[in-house]
Amino acid sequence: MKKTTVYLNDEEFKLLKKKAFLSNQSIAELIRKGVRLICTPSSPKEMEILAALENIRSKFENLPERDIEELVTEAKRAGRRASKSRH
């Protein structure tokens, strides 16, 4: 399990705290459920894209995660530059 910090405004925190109390769950568990919900593919197209990404990722399984993230970031930048040059 990884640890992260999430910033919520006062109203969001109050709502989350109430929901945690009412559902007898921790705030952390509710946040994890929310992440799973929002990350579940919402369409066949999204499922296809995520499968393609996983396929690409499996080809680089020996590469450290950080290196993969850097390659993805650079690919995004290249895509944006290409898009700008077309306009």
Protein backbone atom coordinates (compact mmCIF):
# COMPACT_ATOMS: atom_id res chain seq x y z
CA MET A 1 0.00 0.00 0.00
CA LYS A 2 1.27 3.50 -0.85
CA LYS A 3 0.79 6.61 1.26
CA THR A 4 -0.31 9.91 -0.22
CA THR A 5 -1.58 13.28 0.94
CA VAL A 6 -4.94 14.62 -0.16
CA TYR A 7 -6.00 18.20 0.43
CA LEU A 8 -9.71 18.79 0.97
CA ASN A 9 -11.52 22.01 1.66
CA ASP A 10 -13.47 22.23 4.92
CA GLU A 11 -16.80 21.33 3.33
CA GLU A 12 -15.39 18.28 1.53
CA PHE A 13 -13.78 17.07 4.75
CA LYS A 14 -17.00 17.51 6.74
CA LEU A 15 -18.99 15.58 4.13
CA LEU A 16 -16.43 12.80 4.04
CA LYS A 17 -16.31 12.60 7.83
CA LYS A 18 -20.12 12.34 8.01
CA LYS A 19 -20.18 9.64 5.34
CA ALA A 20 -17.46 7.71 7.18
CA PHE A 21 -19.47 7.86 10.38
CA LEU A 22 -22.73 6.85 8.72
CA SER A 23 -21.17 3.95 6.84
CA ASN A 24 -18.94 2.85 9.73
CA GLN A 25 -15.86 3.08 7.51
CA SER A 26 -12.66 5.06 7.75
CA ILE A 27 -12.09 8.17 5.68
CA ALA A 28 -9.14 6.38 4.06
CA GLU A 29 -11.37 3.48 2.98
CA LEU A 30 -13.91 5.87 1.46
CA ILE A 31 -11.14 7.63 -0.45
CA ARG A 32 -9.81 4.27 -1.72
CA LYS A 33 -13.33 3.31 -2.83
CA GLY A 34 -13.66 6.64 -4.61
CA VAL A 35 -10.37 6.09 -6.41
CA ARG A 36 -11.45 2.61 -7.51
CA LEU A 37 -14.78 3.99 -8.68
CA ILE A 38 -13.29 6.84 -10.69
CA CYS A 39 -10.60 4.59 -12.17
CA THR A 40 -12.98 1.87 -13.32
CA PRO A 41 -13.32 2.11 -17.10
CA SER A 42 -16.57 3.84 -18.00
CA SER A 43 -16.83 2.74 -21.63
CA PRO A 44 -15.65 0.04 -23.99
CA LYS A 45 -13.32 2.59 -25.61
CA GLU A 46 -11.71 3.39 -22.27
CA MET A 47 -11.33 -0.35 -21.55
CA GLU A 48 -9.62 -0.77 -24.91
CA ILE A 49 -7.21 2.09 -24.23
CA LEU A 50 -6.36 0.81 -20.75
CA ALA A 51 -5.74 -2.68 -22.15
CA ALA A 52 -3.43 -1.20 -24.79
CA LEU A 53 -1.56 0.74 -22.11
CA GLU A 54 -1.17 -2.40 -20.01
CA ASN A 55 0.12 -4.26 -23.06
CA ILE A 56 2.72 -1.55 -23.63
CA ARG A 57 3.62 -1.57 -19.93
CA SER A 58 4.15 -5.34 -19.94
CA LYS A 59 6.77 -4.95 -22.67
CA PHE A 60 8.83 -2.78 -20.31
CA GLU A 61 8.40 -4.80 -17.12
CA ASN A 62 12.15 -4.71 -16.41
CA LEU A 63 12.25 -0.93 -16.64
CA PRO A 64 11.86 0.97 -13.36
CA GLU A 65 8.52 2.77 -12.92
CA ARG A 66 10.26 6.14 -12.79
CA ASP A 67 11.87 5.56 -16.20
CA ILE A 68 8.50 4.60 -17.65
CA GLU A 69 6.91 7.75 -16.22
CA GLU A 70 9.66 9.86 -17.79
CA LEU A 71 9.12 8.19 -21.18
CA VAL A 72 5.37 8.79 -20.96
CA THR A 73 5.90 12.43 -19.98
CA GLU A 74 8.24 12.95 -22.91
CA ALA A 75 5.77 11.27 -25.28
CA LYS A 76 3.01 13.60 -24.05
CA ARG A 77 5.25 16.63 -24.64
CA ALA A 78 6.11 15.42 -28.13
CA GLY A 79 2.41 14.93 -28.86
CA ARG A 80 1.61 18.46 -27.71
CA ARG A 81 4.45 19.92 -29.79
CA ALA A 82 3.25 18.02 -32.85
CA SER A 83 -0.31 19.21 -32.26
CA LYS A 84 0.81 22.85 -31.95
CA SER A 85 2.92 22.67 -35.10
CA ARG A 86 -0.12 21.48 -37.11
CA HIS A 87 -2.15 24.55 -36.16
